[in-house]
Amino acid sequence: MADARYLAVKLLDKTFSSGSYSNIQLNSGLASSGLDDRGKRLCSALYYGVIQMRLSLDYVIDRLSKRPADKLDSIIVNILRSGIYQIAYMEGVPDNAAVNESVSLAKKFGKTSAAGMVNAVLRNFIRQGKKIYDGEPDSDRALSIMYSCPEELVKSLTSDYGRDFALRFLEHSVEKSVVCLRRNQLRCTADELQRTMGDIAVEVKGELSPECLTVLGNGDITSTEAFGKGFFHVQGMSSQFCCMALAPTENDLVLDICAAPGGKTFTMAEMMNGRGQIYAFDLHEKRVELIRKGAQRLGLTNIKAAAGDAAKFNPDLPKFTKILCDVPCSGFGVIGKKPEIKYKKLSEFERLPEIQYNIAQNALNYLAVGGEMVYSTCTVRRAENEAVAERLLREHPELEPVELPEVFGQKFGAMATLSPMYGFDDGFFIAKLRKIK
């Protein structure tokens, strides 16, 4: 498995130096790697694991190395990160194997002079009991290091939603992500989906919806017969609940104003039994094409996808009875699936609440009297969530709040911050509004 480790370190070095998206780097690297399935699984586990736990791993390096992580050669620091990750978090990898393979990697990358240092740091980590954090246990610093989350984001979570929420959310963010599917009830029954998934088992999450399923184990779901026949699309539980909250029917005219890549559009189209019509817009034509291709695979003909700016009024559009306004956001609710997001500074998102409000306000121009709109994000920041929804209600007297459906035994009122605390997979925010005049 040396090649799998080599590729993981090579891809980590590219990702951290370029700031590119992790899934794009990994998919590109694996496609040309020649690794077998086992090698690909090891490479993927190491690659995503190191990205997810980078702050924790660097804390260990800083403690055990004569030079801190940010002063080390980038290849060597990624070899150390991957070695520590295997020792601390991968039960199936023997400690000696992790050390020996890491030393070999240093030589393979032409860093022979650093091989002794790699060996010393990893063996010291083992001798010291594989301890990640050795400071004050109940501090923000402790949460930051234990769950590899920047301290400013820890403070934001705690300030916005309380210590218990922050702890539970961060614990979940470093657990293995669950892949959720939405069964296309227009194309198959639950039994037909199971039969066409090959060796990949799925489990119905009936407490949310009979069409919601989770994938058990590993495997390429896009290579299954079920995927080819359009029996499902990938969509998280929180995302599915957004659609359930809007509750479109075949009698509705629906606007999905920020629709790409289309998961919510597809679910709503299926909820409408393939009837009625959904206008699905996104700013970039390339992303709109993702919606069109997905709709074609799923056999959904009631979707009209086109490029459009969600912040600018289009007088040619009709009035809609249902609108989904899933606005661009910081994305901190999905850091378990996209771990590189959490390392961004909060200052990068200062302008987002105003952008989000302007998009939502523009969406209201298209909402018919008596119609309903769901405002949603995939983040856990009050500034982008409750603050925007409350401003809409405050500055638009034609709106009233509408109670969200009960799920997992939880009543939310008109606004909900979805999280693992309530049985969901991702952190989302949903607010439901009705135009009454």
Protein backbone atom coordinates (compact mmCIF):
# COMPACT_ATOMS: atom_id res chain seq x y z
CA MET A 1 0.00 0.00 0.00
CA ALA A 2 3.02 2.26 -0.25
CA ASP A 3 1.71 3.74 -3.50
CA ALA A 4 -1.58 4.69 -1.84
CA ARG A 5 0.28 6.56 0.88
CA TYR A 6 2.58 8.20 -1.66
CA LEU A 7 -0.39 9.44 -3.68
CA ALA A 8 -2.16 10.71 -0.55
CA VAL A 9 0.87 12.80 0.47
CA LYS A 10 1.32 14.08 -3.10
CA LEU A 11 -2.33 15.14 -3.30
CA LEU A 12 -2.25 16.72 0.16
CA ASP A 13 0.75 18.80 -0.85
CA LYS A 14 -1.11 20.01 -3.97
CA THR A 15 -4.31 20.73 -2.06
CA PHE A 16 -2.71 22.71 0.76
CA SER A 17 -0.48 24.70 -1.60
CA SER A 18 -3.16 25.54 -4.17
CA GLY A 19 -6.28 25.82 -2.01
CA SER A 20 -8.21 23.76 -4.56
CA TYR A 21 -11.30 21.70 -3.74
CA SER A 22 -10.44 18.39 -2.08
CA ASN A 23 -12.92 16.27 -4.06
CA ILE A 24 -11.59 17.56 -7.39
CA GLN A 25 -7.97 16.87 -6.42
CA LEU A 26 -8.74 13.38 -5.09
CA ASN A 27 -10.95 12.29 -7.98
CA SER A 28 -8.37 13.48 -10.50
CA GLY A 29 -5.53 11.76 -8.66
CA LEU A 30 -7.32 8.44 -8.22
CA ALA A 31 -8.49 8.35 -11.84
CA SER A 32 -4.92 8.12 -13.15
CA SER A 33 -3.36 6.27 -10.21
CA GLY A 34 -3.71 2.63 -11.25
CA LEU A 35 -4.52 1.74 -7.62
CA ASP A 36 -6.87 -1.16 -6.90
CA ASP A 37 -10.03 -0.61 -4.84
CA ARG A 38 -8.26 -1.29 -1.56
CA GLY A 39 -5.50 1.17 -2.42
CA LYS A 40 -8.02 3.82 -3.41
CA ARG A 41 -9.87 3.39 -0.11
CA LEU A 42 -6.65 3.80 1.88
CA CYS A 43 -5.58 6.83 -0.16
CA SER A 44 -9.02 8.44 0.25
CA ALA A 45 -9.16 7.74 3.99
CA LEU A 46 -5.69 9.23 4.53
CA TYR A 47 -6.28 12.21 2.28
CA TYR A 48 -9.61 13.28 3.77
CA GLY A 49 -8.53 12.30 7.28
CA VAL A 50 -5.48 14.55 7.22
CA ILE A 51 -7.47 17.48 5.83
CA GLN A 52 -10.16 16.95 8.45
CA MET A 53 -7.73 16.72 11.39
CA ARG A 54 -5.00 19.08 10.17
CA LEU A 55 -4.99 21.40 13.19
CA SER A 56 -4.81 18.45 15.58
CA LEU A 57 -1.97 16.85 13.63
CA ASP A 58 0.00 20.09 13.42
CA TYR A 59 -0.41 20.59 17.17
CA VAL A 60 1.29 17.21 17.71
CA ILE A 61 4.07 18.07 15.24
CA ASP A 62 4.68 21.42 16.95
CA ARG A 63 4.96 19.64 20.30
CA LEU A 64 7.31 16.85 19.18
CA SER A 65 9.42 18.42 16.45
CA LYS A 66 12.29 20.87 16.93
CA ARG A 67 10.76 22.95 14.15
CA PRO A 68 7.03 23.80 14.02
CA ALA A 69 4.85 22.45 11.21
CA ASP A 70 4.70 25.75 9.33
CA LYS A 71 8.52 25.87 9.14
CA LEU A 72 8.99 22.34 7.79
CA ASP A 73 9.30 21.27 4.16
CA SER A 74 5.74 20.81 2.84
CA ILE A 75 6.29 17.20 1.75
CA ILE A 76 7.79 16.27 5.13
CA VAL A 77 4.99 17.92 7.08
CA ASN A 78 2.40 16.00 5.05
CA ILE A 79 4.29 12.74 5.61
CA LEU A 80 4.23 13.49 9.35
CA ARG A 81 0.56 14.42 9.26
CA SER A 82 -0.36 11.20 7.47
CA GLY A 83 1.84 9.13 9.81
CA ILE A 84 0.33 10.63 12.97
CA TYR A 85 -3.15 10.29 11.48
CA GLN A 86 -2.64 6.56 10.88
CA ILE A 87 -1.32 6.02 14.41
CA ALA A 88 -3.98 8.09 16.16
CA TYR A 89 -7.11 7.46 14.11
CA MET A 90 -6.77 4.37 11.87
CA GLU A 91 -7.26 1.23 13.98
CA GLY A 92 -6.50 -1.11 11.09
CA VAL A 93 -2.96 0.21 10.60
CA PRO A 94 -0.26 -1.18 12.98
CA ASP A 95 1.91 1.53 14.57
CA ASN A 96 5.13 0.07 13.19
CA ALA A 97 3.69 -0.03 9.67
CA ALA A 98 2.70 3.65 9.92
CA VAL A 99 6.20 4.59 11.07
CA ASN A 100 8.10 2.45 8.60
CA GLU A 101 5.98 3.50 5.61
CA SER A 102 6.38 7.17 6.57
CA VAL A 103 10.16 6.83 6.74
CA SER A 104 10.13 5.08 3.35
CA LEU A 105 8.02 7.89 1.92
CA ALA A 106 10.57 10.49 2.98
CA LYS A 107 13.20 8.60 1.00
CA LYS A 108 10.89 8.02 -1.96
CA PHE A 109 10.23 11.77 -2.19
CA GLY A 110 13.98 12.40 -2.15
CA LYS A 111 13.97 13.74 1.43
CA THR A 112 16.38 11.15 2.84
CA SER A 113 18.00 13.64 5.23
CA ALA A 114 14.65 14.09 7.01
CA ALA A 115 13.91 10.35 7.36
CA GLY A 116 15.48 10.18 10.83
CA MET A 117 13.42 13.11 12.06
CA VAL A 118 10.20 11.51 10.71
CA ASN A 119 11.07 8.29 12.53
CA ALA A 120 11.84 10.14 15.79
CA VAL A 121 8.66 12.25 15.83
CA LEU A 122 6.36 9.30 15.11
CA ARG A 123 8.02 7.01 17.65
CA ASN A 124 7.91 9.75 20.30
CA PHE A 125 4.20 10.17 19.61
CA ILE A 126 3.67 6.44 20.23
CA ARG A 127 5.83 6.46 23.39
CA GLN A 128 3.87 9.39 24.80
CA GLY A 129 0.62 7.45 24.55
CA LYS A 130 -0.64 8.87 21.24
CA LYS A 131 -1.98 11.91 23.11
CA ILE A 132 -3.34 14.64 20.85
CA TYR A 133 -4.05 17.45 23.33
CA ASP A 134 -2.34 18.06 26.66
CA GLY A 135 -3.78 21.42 27.76
CA GLU A 136 -6.81 22.76 29.65
CA PRO A 137 -9.65 20.31 28.83
CA ASP A 138 -12.69 22.61 28.92
CA SER A 139 -11.41 25.57 26.94
CA ASP A 140 -12.20 26.75 23.42
CA ARG A 141 -8.59 25.84 22.66
CA ALA A 142 -9.32 22.24 23.70
CA LEU A 143 -12.29 21.99 21.31
CA SER A 144 -10.21 23.60 18.57
CA ILE A 145 -7.39 21.05 18.88
CA MET A 146 -9.45 17.95 19.64
CA TYR A 147 -11.81 18.51 16.70
CA SER A 148 -9.41 20.38 14.40
CA CYS A 149 -11.55 23.49 14.15
CA PRO A 150 -10.20 27.06 14.16
CA GLU A 151 -10.75 28.70 17.53
CA GLU A 152 -12.70 31.60 16.04
CA LEU A 153 -15.24 29.16 14.58
CA VAL A 154 -15.49 27.36 17.93
CA LYS A 155 -16.23 30.70 19.59
CA SER A 156 -18.81 31.55 16.90
CA LEU A 157 -20.64 28.24 17.35
CA THR A 158 -20.63 28.60 21.14
CA SER A 159 -21.75 32.24 21.05
CA ASP A 160 -24.56 31.57 18.56
CA TYR A 161 -25.97 28.27 19.76
CA GLY A 162 -24.37 27.36 23.11
CA ARG A 163 -21.58 25.10 24.35
CA ASP A 164 -23.57 21.86 24.11
CA PHE A 165 -24.48 22.53 20.47
CA ALA A 166 -20.86 23.38 19.62
CA LEU A 167 -19.53 20.21 21.27
CA ARG A 168 -22.10 17.90 19.65
CA PHE A 169 -21.69 19.53 16.25
CA LEU A 170 -17.89 19.31 16.32
CA GLU A 171 -17.94 15.69 17.53
CA HIS A 172 -20.17 14.77 14.61
CA SER A 173 -18.04 16.74 12.14
CA VAL A 174 -15.06 14.40 12.57
CA GLU A 175 -17.04 11.17 12.48
CA LYS A 176 -17.36 9.17 9.27
CA SER A 177 -19.77 10.94 6.94
CA VAL A 178 -22.96 9.17 5.97
CA VAL A 179 -24.02 9.19 2.31
CA CYS A 180 -27.76 9.78 1.90
CA LEU A 181 -29.88 9.12 -1.16
CA ARG A 182 -33.30 10.21 -2.30
CA ARG A 183 -35.25 7.43 -4.01
CA ASN A 184 -36.99 8.48 -7.20
CA GLN A 185 -40.47 7.16 -6.43
CA LEU A 186 -41.53 7.96 -10.00
CA ARG A 187 -39.13 5.32 -11.31
CA CYS A 188 -38.85 2.56 -8.71
CA THR A 189 -40.10 1.01 -5.52
CA ALA A 190 -37.89 0.58 -2.46
CA ASP A 191 -37.43 -3.11 -3.32
CA GLU A 192 -36.42 -2.31 -6.92
CA LEU A 193 -33.83 0.15 -5.68
CA GLN A 194 -32.37 -2.41 -3.27
CA ARG A 195 -32.18 -5.05 -5.99
CA THR A 196 -30.30 -2.78 -8.42
CA MET A 197 -27.68 -1.45 -5.97
CA GLY A 198 -25.44 -4.51 -6.44
CA ASP A 199 -23.32 -5.19 -3.37
CA ILE A 200 -24.12 -1.79 -1.84
CA ALA A 201 -26.68 -1.99 0.95
CA VAL A 202 -29.02 0.89 1.73
CA GLU A 203 -31.27 1.56 4.71
CA VAL A 204 -34.53 3.51 4.64
CA LYS A 205 -34.64 6.49 7.02
CA GLY A 206 -38.39 6.24 7.42
CA GLU A 207 -38.53 8.64 10.37
CA LEU A 208 -37.69 11.41 7.89
CA SER A 209 -39.23 10.07 4.68
CA PRO A 210 -39.79 6.67 3.04
CA GLU A 211 -37.79 8.02 0.07
CA CYS A 212 -34.75 8.89 2.19
CA LEU A 213 -32.03 6.21 2.44
CA THR A 214 -28.52 5.96 3.86
CA VAL A 215 -25.72 3.96 2.25
CA LEU A 216 -24.19 1.22 4.38
CA GLY A 217 -20.51 0.47 3.75
CA ASN A 218 -18.33 1.45 0.80
CA GLY A 219 -18.72 1.28 -2.95
CA ASP A 220 -19.14 3.46 -6.01
CA ILE A 221 -22.85 4.21 -6.08
CA THR A 222 -22.59 5.94 -9.47
CA SER A 223 -21.54 2.65 -11.12
CA THR A 224 -24.67 0.80 -9.99
CA GLU A 225 -27.55 -0.22 -12.20
CA ALA A 226 -29.82 1.86 -9.97
CA PHE A 227 -27.90 5.06 -10.70
CA GLY A 228 -27.91 4.41 -14.44
CA LYS A 229 -31.68 3.90 -14.41
CA GLY A 230 -32.28 7.13 -12.49
CA PHE A 231 -33.59 5.38 -9.39
CA PHE A 232 -31.97 7.88 -7.00
CA HIS A 233 -29.90 11.00 -6.54
CA VAL A 234 -27.50 11.86 -3.72
CA GLN A 235 -28.95 14.29 -1.17
CA GLY A 236 -28.41 14.76 2.56
CA MET A 237 -31.19 14.49 5.11
CA SER A 238 -31.11 18.19 6.01
CA SER A 239 -31.31 19.12 2.34
CA GLN A 240 -34.27 16.77 1.84
CA PHE A 241 -36.03 18.37 4.80
CA CYS A 242 -35.77 21.78 3.07
CA CYS A 243 -37.94 20.37 0.29
CA MET A 244 -40.33 18.72 2.73
CA ALA A 245 -40.71 22.07 4.51
CA LEU A 246 -41.70 23.82 1.27
CA ALA A 247 -44.02 20.89 0.42
CA PRO A 248 -44.66 21.56 -3.29
CA THR A 249 -47.51 19.74 -5.01
CA GLU A 250 -48.38 19.11 -8.66
CA ASN A 251 -50.67 22.14 -8.51
CA ASP A 252 -47.80 24.51 -7.69
CA LEU A 253 -45.60 26.67 -9.86
CA VAL A 254 -42.21 26.50 -8.12
CA LEU A 255 -39.11 28.67 -8.28
CA ASP A 256 -35.74 27.30 -7.12
CA ILE A 257 -33.78 30.53 -7.37
CA CYS A 258 -30.26 29.19 -6.52
CA ALA A 259 -30.67 25.64 -7.76
CA ALA A 260 -27.35 24.07 -8.87
CA PRO A 261 -26.29 21.32 -8.71
CA GLY A 262 -29.97 20.43 -8.50
CA GLY A 263 -30.56 18.01 -5.62
CA LYS A 264 -33.41 20.01 -4.10
CA THR A 265 -34.88 20.70 -7.55
CA PHE A 266 -35.00 16.96 -8.28
CA THR A 267 -36.61 16.11 -4.94
CA MET A 268 -39.29 18.77 -5.39
CA ALA A 269 -40.00 17.62 -8.96
CA GLU A 270 -40.51 14.08 -7.65
CA MET A 271 -42.71 15.32 -4.79
CA MET A 272 -44.84 16.99 -7.49
CA ASN A 273 -45.23 13.58 -9.23
CA GLY A 274 -43.43 14.96 -12.28
CA ARG A 275 -46.26 17.44 -12.87
CA GLY A 276 -46.60 21.20 -12.40
CA GLN A 277 -43.42 23.08 -13.22
CA ILE A 278 -40.21 24.11 -11.50
CA TYR A 279 -38.10 27.00 -12.76
CA ALA A 280 -34.52 26.26 -11.66
CA PHE A 281 -31.96 29.04 -11.96
CA ASP A 282 -28.26 29.40 -11.28
CA LEU A 283 -25.79 32.14 -12.13
CA HIS A 284 -23.45 30.04 -14.30
CA GLU A 285 -24.48 28.11 -17.41
CA LYS A 286 -21.98 25.33 -16.64
CA ARG A 287 -23.76 24.64 -13.34
CA VAL A 288 -27.18 24.89 -14.98
CA GLU A 289 -26.07 22.08 -17.27
CA LEU A 290 -25.62 19.89 -14.17
CA ILE A 291 -29.31 20.40 -13.40
CA ARG A 292 -30.35 19.52 -16.96
CA LYS A 293 -28.25 16.34 -17.04
CA GLY A 294 -29.48 15.24 -13.62
CA ALA A 295 -33.11 15.83 -14.58
CA GLN A 296 -32.62 13.83 -17.78
CA ARG A 297 -31.11 10.88 -15.91
CA LEU A 298 -33.97 10.91 -13.40
CA GLY A 299 -36.62 11.28 -16.09
CA LEU A 300 -37.95 14.55 -14.67
CA THR A 301 -39.60 16.62 -17.39
CA ASN A 302 -41.25 19.27 -15.20
CA ILE A 303 -37.97 21.19 -14.63
CA LYS A 304 -37.09 24.29 -16.65
CA ALA A 305 -33.41 25.09 -15.98
CA ALA A 306 -31.75 28.31 -17.10
CA ALA A 307 -29.00 30.75 -16.16
CA GLY A 308 -30.10 33.73 -14.11
CA ASP A 309 -28.87 36.16 -11.47
CA ALA A 310 -30.79 35.55 -8.22
CA ALA A 311 -30.09 39.11 -7.01
CA LYS A 312 -31.56 40.85 -10.07
CA PHE A 313 -35.29 41.10 -10.83
CA ASN A 314 -36.43 39.44 -14.05
CA PRO A 315 -39.76 40.98 -15.15
CA ASP A 316 -40.37 38.12 -17.60
CA LEU A 317 -40.88 35.58 -14.84
CA PRO A 318 -44.39 34.71 -13.62
CA LYS A 319 -45.64 34.71 -10.03
CA PHE A 320 -44.87 31.50 -8.12
CA THR A 321 -46.87 29.73 -5.44
CA LYS A 322 -43.76 28.14 -3.86
CA ILE A 323 -40.17 29.44 -3.78
CA LEU A 324 -37.04 27.80 -2.47
CA CYS A 325 -34.41 30.40 -1.66
CA ASP A 326 -31.33 28.35 -0.77
CA VAL A 327 -28.76 31.14 -0.74
CA PRO A 328 -24.95 31.06 -1.09
CA CYS A 329 -23.43 30.76 2.39
CA SER A 330 -20.24 30.04 4.33
CA GLY A 331 -21.02 26.29 4.28
CA PHE A 332 -19.92 25.58 7.86
CA GLY A 333 -22.83 23.18 8.31
CA VAL A 334 -21.22 20.61 5.98
CA ILE A 335 -17.63 20.63 7.26
CA GLY A 336 -17.90 16.89 7.95
CA LYS A 337 -18.16 16.29 4.19
CA LYS A 338 -16.08 19.25 3.00
CA PRO A 339 -13.46 19.69 5.76
CA GLU A 340 -11.39 22.34 3.98
CA ILE A 341 -14.25 24.83 4.48
CA LYS A 342 -13.68 25.11 8.23
CA TYR A 343 -10.20 26.57 7.81
CA LYS A 344 -11.49 29.70 6.09
CA LYS A 345 -11.49 32.88 8.16
CA LEU A 346 -14.84 34.28 9.27
CA SER A 347 -13.81 37.65 7.87
CA GLU A 348 -14.17 36.15 4.37
CA PHE A 349 -17.93 35.96 4.93
CA GLU A 350 -18.67 39.42 6.34
CA ARG A 351 -20.56 40.52 3.21
CA LEU A 352 -22.66 37.36 2.92
CA PRO A 353 -25.66 38.38 5.09
CA GLU A 354 -26.30 41.42 2.89
CA ILE A 355 -25.97 39.32 -0.29
CA GLN A 356 -28.31 36.71 1.19
CA TYR A 357 -30.86 39.32 2.19
CA ASN A 358 -30.82 40.90 -1.28
CA ILE A 359 -31.39 37.52 -2.94
CA ALA A 360 -34.25 36.69 -0.57
CA GLN A 361 -35.78 40.14 -1.03
CA ASN A 362 -35.61 39.75 -4.81
CA ALA A 363 -37.22 36.30 -4.55
CA LEU A 364 -40.19 37.87 -2.79
CA ASN A 365 -40.91 39.86 -5.98
CA TYR A 366 -41.86 36.56 -7.63
CA LEU A 367 -44.00 35.20 -4.78
CA ALA A 368 -47.76 35.22 -5.32
CA VAL A 369 -50.08 36.38 -2.54
CA GLY A 370 -50.83 33.33 -0.44
CA GLY A 371 -47.61 31.70 -1.68
CA GLU A 372 -44.87 30.34 0.58
CA MET A 373 -41.09 30.68 0.55
CA VAL A 374 -38.39 28.71 2.35
CA TYR A 375 -35.16 30.57 3.10
CA SER A 376 -32.32 28.13 3.75
CA THR A 377 -28.56 27.82 4.14
CA CYS A 378 -26.11 24.99 4.83
CA THR A 379 -24.29 26.91 7.55
CA VAL A 380 -24.44 27.34 11.32
CA ARG A 381 -23.95 31.08 11.79
CA ARG A 382 -26.68 33.23 13.29
CA ALA A 383 -25.60 36.21 11.13
CA GLU A 384 -26.46 34.27 7.96
CA ASN A 385 -29.49 32.49 9.38
CA GLU A 386 -31.84 33.88 12.02
CA ALA A 387 -30.60 37.44 11.52
CA VAL A 388 -31.50 37.40 7.81
CA ALA A 389 -34.87 35.69 8.31
CA GLU A 390 -35.82 38.06 11.15
CA ARG A 391 -34.86 41.05 9.02
CA LEU A 392 -37.12 39.80 6.22
CA LEU A 393 -40.06 39.56 8.61
CA ARG A 394 -39.26 42.94 10.17
CA GLU A 395 -38.89 44.85 6.89
CA HIS A 396 -41.64 43.07 4.94
CA PRO A 397 -45.00 43.37 6.73
CA GLU A 398 -46.61 41.38 3.90
CA LEU A 399 -44.92 38.27 5.32
CA GLU A 400 -45.87 35.98 8.17
CA PRO A 401 -43.95 33.04 9.65
CA VAL A 402 -45.22 29.51 8.91
CA GLU A 403 -44.63 26.54 11.19
CA LEU A 404 -42.26 23.89 9.88
CA PRO A 405 -43.26 20.20 9.88
CA GLU A 406 -42.39 18.12 12.92
CA VAL A 407 -39.62 15.58 12.36
CA PHE A 408 -37.60 13.24 14.59
CA GLY A 409 -40.10 14.12 17.34
CA GLN A 410 -38.97 17.75 17.24
CA LYS A 411 -41.15 20.84 16.84
CA PHE A 412 -39.23 23.78 15.39
CA GLY A 413 -41.66 26.64 14.90
CA ALA A 414 -41.06 28.75 11.79
CA MET A 415 -37.24 28.68 11.98
CA ALA A 416 -34.94 25.72 12.57
CA THR A 417 -31.21 25.17 12.90
CA LEU A 418 -30.87 21.54 11.87
CA SER A 419 -27.97 19.59 13.33
CA PRO A 420 -26.92 16.13 14.51
CA MET A 421 -28.51 17.02 17.86
CA TYR A 422 -31.87 16.43 16.17
CA GLY A 423 -30.89 13.38 14.08
CA PHE A 424 -29.84 15.20 10.89
CA ASP A 425 -26.60 14.64 9.02
CA ASP A 426 -25.62 18.26 8.27
CA GLY A 427 -26.00 21.68 9.82
CA PHE A 428 -28.70 23.60 7.96
CA PHE A 429 -30.99 26.54 8.63
CA ILE A 430 -34.59 26.76 7.40
CA ALA A 431 -37.18 29.51 7.77
CA LYS A 432 -40.65 29.34 6.21
CA LEU A 433 -42.55 32.48 5.25
CA ARG A 434 -45.96 33.20 3.65
CA LYS A 435 -46.99 36.30 1.67
CA ILE A 436 -50.35 37.42 3.07
CA LYS A 437 -50.90 40.63 1.08
